[in-house]
Amino acid sequence: MTRNVRLGAGAVLCILATAAMLAQTTPFRARIDVVEVTVAVTDGGGRLITGLNKEDFQIFEDGVEQTITQFSDQRVPVSLGVLLDASDSMRGQPVADARVALDRFVGELLRPDDEVFVATFNHRPSLAARWTTPPTSLRNVLVDLKPSGGTAIYDALAETAKLFERRAHVRAATVVISDGADTASERSLYQAVDVVRRSDAFVYAVAIDPVDARQSTRVNPDALREITGLTGGYTEVVRSHADLGPATARIADELNKQYMLGYSSTRPPDGSWRPLRVRVRQGEYYARARRGYFAEAISR
């Protein structure tokens, strides 16, 4: 009987030791009472800055500085959505260039433990692949895509935002690729903004704006910036569909160099919008993060 008790105690000690080891090696652990904030840091030239410590950052919620309790500068897995314009303007070489860029993005630039969904949109959004791991299995997912119809960017963003409620990872992002203005959404820009601001996913947009594009249907970078800037992401304007490869590679590079911060708010959740600002204490550096969140009460 005594021997059995000793074996049980040993097993308990082994479990506790394993848990302690995991606690030391896990780069970022989310708790339901912690506000998690993804941050990208650049210098004045737009170069990504790595090597910063927790003490280098400040987080302000509604103007009040918060105590940062969690920090990671390691590359943690990301749940990422790709939204590709499949309207009539993408026929021919444009969609071929987009397929090449997407295949490289999911096949070479993301990590095996990332998860990805792919959606296309013309006058309505269409889900081509649900959450998938590893991303390499999504190569050729759009091989049969035949562009047609109008462009409904705002509806696509709003509809796919729901997918992030069932994601596997804390860190999340969306990449939107389009070469035209929104001509077919039922939602307005501001309705799309309202949906996106309720998510914590970074939104990146690649706006293809050829010099010979028709003024009436050319992409609207300013509208996209209203969406991406709110989330901590950015909008990049390129002049050719062939530029999609380098543009998406820059997004992948940023995903590799982001910081994860966490804090417990000094105010209880009340459903209100809480403005957020992240600041780097030293140097001429700029921190990009979501500009706020809704402090919804969470059932325990």
Protein backbone atom coordinates (compact mmCIF):
# COMPACT_ATOMS: atom_id res chain seq x y z
CA MET A 1 0.00 0.00 0.00
CA THR A 2 2.84 2.38 0.91
CA ARG A 3 4.55 1.66 -2.41
CA ASN A 4 1.38 2.56 -4.32
CA VAL A 5 1.16 5.91 -2.50
CA ARG A 6 4.79 6.70 -3.39
CA LEU A 7 4.19 5.91 -7.03
CA GLY A 8 1.14 8.21 -7.05
CA ALA A 9 3.16 11.02 -5.48
CA GLY A 10 5.90 10.50 -8.03
CA ALA A 11 3.40 10.73 -10.84
CA VAL A 12 2.03 13.95 -9.36
CA LEU A 13 5.55 15.40 -9.09
CA CYS A 14 6.23 14.40 -12.69
CA ILE A 15 3.03 16.12 -13.86
CA LEU A 16 3.85 19.27 -11.87
CA ALA A 17 7.39 19.33 -13.26
CA THR A 18 6.09 18.95 -16.81
CA ALA A 19 3.56 21.72 -16.27
CA ALA A 20 6.28 24.00 -14.89
CA MET A 21 8.49 23.29 -17.89
CA LEU A 22 5.64 24.04 -20.30
CA ALA A 23 4.90 27.26 -18.46
CA GLN A 24 8.52 28.33 -18.98
CA THR A 25 8.63 27.45 -22.66
CA THR A 26 5.18 28.60 -23.78
CA PRO A 27 5.75 32.03 -25.34
CA PHE A 28 2.26 33.44 -24.87
CA ARG A 29 -0.67 32.18 -22.84
CA ALA A 30 -4.09 33.77 -23.15
CA ARG A 31 -6.50 34.13 -20.23
CA ILE A 32 -10.09 35.20 -20.57
CA ASP A 33 -9.49 38.23 -18.32
CA VAL A 34 -6.49 39.44 -20.35
CA VAL A 35 -6.72 41.87 -23.26
CA GLU A 36 -4.39 40.57 -25.96
CA VAL A 37 -2.81 43.05 -28.36
CA THR A 38 -0.74 42.25 -31.44
CA VAL A 39 1.83 44.92 -32.29
CA ALA A 40 4.06 45.66 -35.27
CA VAL A 41 6.90 48.17 -34.79
CA THR A 42 8.58 50.14 -37.57
CA ASP A 43 11.10 52.94 -37.85
CA GLY A 44 10.69 56.15 -39.83
CA GLY A 45 11.60 54.32 -43.02
CA GLY A 46 9.00 51.62 -42.54
CA ARG A 47 11.53 48.93 -41.58
CA LEU A 48 10.29 46.38 -39.07
CA ILE A 49 11.97 46.55 -35.66
CA THR A 50 12.72 43.42 -33.64
CA GLY A 51 14.59 42.81 -30.38
CA LEU A 52 12.46 44.99 -28.11
CA ASN A 53 11.54 43.97 -24.54
CA LYS A 54 8.36 44.26 -22.51
CA GLU A 55 9.76 47.35 -20.76
CA ASP A 56 10.05 49.12 -24.13
CA PHE A 57 6.25 49.23 -24.56
CA GLN A 58 3.40 51.21 -23.05
CA ILE A 59 -0.30 50.43 -23.52
CA PHE A 60 -3.01 53.00 -22.88
CA GLU A 61 -6.69 52.08 -22.61
CA ASP A 62 -8.96 55.09 -22.93
CA GLY A 63 -5.95 57.27 -22.09
CA VAL A 64 -5.00 55.36 -18.94
CA GLU A 65 -1.71 53.44 -18.91
CA GLN A 66 -2.08 49.72 -18.22
CA THR A 67 0.37 47.26 -16.69
CA ILE A 68 1.67 44.82 -19.30
CA THR A 69 1.52 41.33 -17.79
CA GLN A 70 2.21 39.21 -20.87
CA PHE A 71 4.81 39.63 -23.57
CA SER A 72 6.26 37.61 -26.41
CA ASP A 73 8.59 38.52 -29.24
CA GLN A 74 8.50 34.98 -30.63
CA ARG A 75 6.75 34.02 -33.85
CA VAL A 76 3.52 32.42 -32.62
CA PRO A 77 1.00 30.68 -34.91
CA VAL A 78 -1.52 32.83 -36.74
CA SER A 79 -5.08 32.27 -37.96
CA LEU A 80 -5.18 34.00 -41.32
CA GLY A 81 -7.87 34.63 -43.91
CA VAL A 82 -7.18 35.43 -47.56
CA LEU A 83 -9.86 37.31 -49.53
CA LEU A 84 -9.25 37.52 -53.28
CA ASP A 85 -11.14 39.67 -55.75
CA ALA A 86 -12.77 37.40 -58.34
CA SER A 87 -14.67 40.06 -60.26
CA ASP A 88 -14.67 40.51 -64.03
CA SER A 89 -11.58 42.77 -63.96
CA MET A 90 -9.44 39.87 -62.69
CA ARG A 91 -9.88 37.77 -65.86
CA GLY A 92 -6.86 36.48 -67.74
CA GLN A 93 -3.33 37.31 -66.55
CA PRO A 94 -4.47 39.12 -63.37
CA VAL A 95 -6.02 35.99 -61.86
CA ALA A 96 -3.04 33.91 -63.03
CA ASP A 97 -0.66 36.28 -61.19
CA ALA A 98 -2.91 36.17 -58.12
CA ARG A 99 -2.86 32.34 -58.09
CA VAL A 100 0.95 32.32 -58.23
CA ALA A 101 1.19 34.81 -55.36
CA LEU A 102 -1.34 32.90 -53.24
CA ASP A 103 0.35 29.54 -53.86
CA ARG A 104 3.71 30.96 -52.77
CA PHE A 105 2.15 32.68 -49.77
CA VAL A 106 0.52 29.53 -48.37
CA GLY A 107 3.15 27.13 -49.69
CA GLU A 108 6.38 28.87 -48.71
CA LEU A 109 5.87 31.95 -46.52
CA LEU A 110 3.58 30.71 -43.75
CA ARG A 111 4.39 28.18 -41.02
CA PRO A 112 3.05 24.60 -40.82
CA ASP A 113 1.18 25.34 -37.59
CA ASP A 114 -0.61 28.39 -39.01
CA GLU A 115 -4.22 27.93 -40.11
CA VAL A 116 -5.71 29.59 -43.18
CA PHE A 117 -9.05 30.03 -44.88
CA VAL A 118 -9.44 31.29 -48.45
CA ALA A 119 -12.44 33.18 -49.81
CA THR A 120 -13.15 34.92 -53.09
CA PHE A 121 -15.59 37.70 -53.83
CA ASN A 122 -17.28 39.21 -56.85
CA HIS A 123 -20.84 40.49 -56.32
CA ARG A 124 -21.00 38.10 -53.36
CA PRO A 125 -18.39 36.33 -51.18
CA SER A 126 -17.67 32.63 -51.59
CA LEU A 127 -15.68 30.43 -49.22
CA ALA A 128 -13.13 28.37 -51.16
CA ALA A 129 -11.53 26.66 -48.14
CA ARG A 130 -12.38 26.64 -44.43
CA TRP A 131 -9.75 26.77 -41.70
CA THR A 132 -6.93 24.53 -42.94
CA THR A 133 -3.65 23.32 -41.44
CA PRO A 134 -0.97 23.14 -42.76
CA PRO A 135 -1.30 26.03 -45.22
CA THR A 136 0.67 24.11 -47.88
CA SER A 137 -2.39 21.94 -48.51
CA LEU A 138 -4.11 25.02 -49.97
CA ARG A 139 -1.82 25.20 -52.99
CA ASN A 140 -3.92 25.22 -56.17
CA VAL A 141 -7.11 25.85 -54.18
CA LEU A 142 -8.14 28.46 -56.78
CA VAL A 143 -7.03 26.58 -59.87
CA ASP A 144 -10.60 26.49 -61.23
CA LEU A 145 -11.49 30.09 -60.35
CA LYS A 146 -13.21 31.95 -63.20
CA PRO A 147 -13.61 35.67 -62.43
CA SER A 148 -16.90 37.37 -63.25
CA GLY A 149 -19.35 39.95 -61.94
CA GLY A 150 -18.95 43.03 -59.74
CA THR A 151 -16.90 43.73 -56.62
CA ALA A 152 -18.29 43.43 -53.08
CA ILE A 153 -15.29 44.00 -50.78
CA TYR A 154 -17.28 45.29 -47.81
CA ASP A 155 -19.65 42.33 -47.79
CA ALA A 156 -16.72 39.91 -48.05
CA LEU A 157 -14.96 41.45 -45.06
CA ALA A 158 -18.12 41.47 -42.96
CA GLU A 159 -19.16 37.91 -43.83
CA THR A 160 -15.75 36.32 -43.27
CA ALA A 161 -15.17 38.18 -39.99
CA LYS A 162 -17.51 35.62 -38.41
CA LEU A 163 -14.99 32.84 -39.13
CA PHE A 164 -12.54 34.32 -36.62
CA GLU A 165 -14.92 33.47 -33.79
CA ARG A 166 -13.94 29.79 -34.32
CA ARG A 167 -10.22 30.17 -34.92
CA ALA A 168 -7.53 28.12 -33.21
CA HIS A 169 -4.91 30.80 -32.45
CA VAL A 170 -4.77 34.05 -30.46
CA ARG A 171 -3.10 35.97 -33.28
CA ALA A 172 -5.24 36.64 -36.34
CA ALA A 173 -5.07 38.49 -39.65
CA THR A 174 -6.88 38.97 -42.95
CA VAL A 175 -5.28 39.72 -46.32
CA VAL A 176 -7.54 41.38 -48.92
CA ILE A 177 -6.45 41.58 -52.57
CA SER A 178 -8.47 43.69 -55.02
CA ASP A 179 -8.08 45.71 -58.20
CA GLY A 180 -11.40 47.55 -58.17
CA ALA A 181 -13.72 49.80 -56.20
CA ASP A 182 -16.60 48.26 -54.33
CA THR A 183 -19.51 48.24 -56.76
CA ALA A 184 -21.80 45.52 -55.44
CA SER A 185 -21.87 45.37 -51.62
CA GLU A 186 -25.14 45.60 -49.74
CA ARG A 187 -23.17 47.08 -46.84
CA SER A 188 -21.60 50.52 -46.82
CA LEU A 189 -17.97 51.20 -45.97
CA TYR A 190 -18.97 52.32 -42.48
CA GLN A 191 -21.04 49.22 -41.87
CA ALA A 192 -18.01 47.11 -42.83
CA VAL A 193 -15.82 49.17 -40.51
CA ASP A 194 -18.25 48.56 -37.66
CA VAL A 195 -18.00 44.78 -38.18
CA VAL A 196 -14.21 44.78 -38.51
CA ARG A 197 -13.65 46.87 -35.38
CA ARG A 198 -15.39 44.15 -33.35
CA SER A 199 -12.65 41.69 -34.35
CA ASP A 200 -9.04 41.67 -33.15
CA ALA A 201 -7.64 40.51 -36.50
CA PHE A 202 -5.13 42.71 -38.31
CA VAL A 203 -6.40 43.53 -41.81
CA TYR A 204 -3.93 43.99 -44.66
CA ALA A 205 -5.02 45.16 -48.11
CA VAL A 206 -3.14 44.99 -51.39
CA ALA A 207 -4.76 47.47 -53.77
CA ILE A 208 -3.89 46.94 -57.43
CA ASP A 209 -4.14 50.32 -59.18
CA PRO A 210 -2.78 50.26 -62.76
CA VAL A 211 -1.98 53.63 -64.30
CA ASP A 212 -4.48 52.96 -67.10
CA ALA A 213 -7.36 51.89 -64.82
CA ARG A 214 -10.77 53.41 -65.51
CA GLN A 215 -11.57 56.14 -63.01
CA SER A 216 -15.11 54.87 -62.42
CA THR A 217 -14.05 51.40 -61.27
CA ARG A 218 -10.46 51.78 -60.06
CA VAL A 219 -9.62 50.57 -56.57
CA ASN A 220 -10.19 52.99 -53.68
CA PRO A 221 -7.11 52.87 -51.40
CA ASP A 222 -8.49 55.52 -49.06
CA ALA A 223 -11.54 53.38 -48.27
CA LEU A 224 -9.32 50.37 -47.64
CA ARG A 225 -7.07 52.45 -45.35
CA GLU A 226 -10.08 53.34 -43.21
CA ILE A 227 -10.49 49.62 -42.57
CA THR A 228 -6.88 48.48 -42.28
CA GLY A 229 -5.65 51.39 -40.15
CA LEU A 230 -8.29 50.69 -37.50
CA THR A 231 -7.02 47.12 -37.08
CA GLY A 232 -3.26 47.75 -36.96
CA GLY A 233 -2.70 46.55 -40.51
CA TYR A 234 -1.97 48.62 -43.60
CA THR A 235 -2.92 49.14 -47.24
CA GLU A 236 -0.26 48.85 -49.94
CA VAL A 237 -0.91 50.16 -53.44
CA VAL A 238 0.81 48.32 -56.30
CA ARG A 239 0.66 49.11 -60.01
CA SER A 240 0.52 45.62 -61.45
CA HIS A 241 -0.94 42.22 -60.63
CA ALA A 242 2.61 40.90 -61.02
CA ASP A 243 3.51 42.90 -57.88
CA LEU A 244 1.27 40.72 -55.70
CA GLY A 245 4.11 38.30 -54.91
CA PRO A 246 6.43 40.89 -53.30
CA ALA A 247 3.49 42.59 -51.56
CA THR A 248 2.25 39.40 -49.91
CA ALA A 249 5.85 38.50 -48.99
CA ARG A 250 6.09 41.77 -47.07
CA ILE A 251 2.94 40.85 -45.16
CA ALA A 252 4.40 37.43 -44.31
CA ASP A 253 7.59 39.12 -43.10
CA GLU A 254 5.58 41.35 -40.77
CA LEU A 255 3.69 38.34 -39.41
CA ASN A 256 7.09 36.87 -38.51
CA LYS A 257 8.16 39.97 -36.57
CA GLN A 258 5.15 41.01 -34.51
CA TYR A 259 4.98 41.28 -30.73
CA MET A 260 2.23 39.92 -28.51
CA LEU A 261 1.28 41.97 -25.44
CA GLY A 262 -1.34 41.34 -22.79
CA TYR A 263 -2.79 43.24 -19.85
CA SER A 264 -5.66 43.05 -17.37
CA SER A 265 -7.85 46.12 -17.74
CA THR A 266 -8.29 48.33 -14.69
CA ARG A 267 -12.01 48.57 -15.57
CA PRO A 268 -14.57 45.74 -15.51
CA PRO A 269 -16.17 44.74 -18.82
CA ASP A 270 -19.27 46.79 -19.61
CA GLY A 271 -19.72 46.35 -23.36
CA SER A 272 -18.27 49.77 -24.16
CA TRP A 273 -15.71 50.64 -26.85
CA ARG A 274 -12.26 51.09 -25.26
CA PRO A 275 -9.74 53.09 -27.33
CA LEU A 276 -6.25 51.55 -27.32
CA ARG A 277 -2.85 53.09 -28.00
CA VAL A 278 0.49 51.31 -27.94
CA ARG A 279 3.68 53.33 -27.64
CA VAL A 280 7.39 52.47 -27.79
CA ARG A 281 9.23 54.34 -25.02
CA GLN A 282 12.60 54.82 -26.70
CA GLY A 283 13.75 55.63 -30.21
CA GLU A 284 11.93 57.00 -33.24
CA TYR A 285 9.77 53.92 -33.56
CA TYR A 286 6.10 53.58 -34.43
CA ALA A 287 3.80 50.91 -33.01
CA ARG A 288 0.82 49.67 -35.01
CA ALA A 289 -1.97 47.86 -33.17
CA ARG A 290 -5.76 47.76 -33.18
CA ARG A 291 -7.17 51.09 -32.08
CA GLY A 292 -9.62 49.69 -29.59
CA TYR A 293 -11.91 46.86 -28.54
CA PHE A 294 -15.37 46.22 -27.15
CA ALA A 295 -15.13 45.17 -23.51
CA GLU A 296 -17.73 42.44 -23.63
CA ALA A 297 -18.40 40.39 -20.49
CA ILE A 298 -17.29 36.76 -20.92
CA SER A 299 -19.24 33.90 -19.41
CA ARG A 300 -17.06 31.73 -17.18
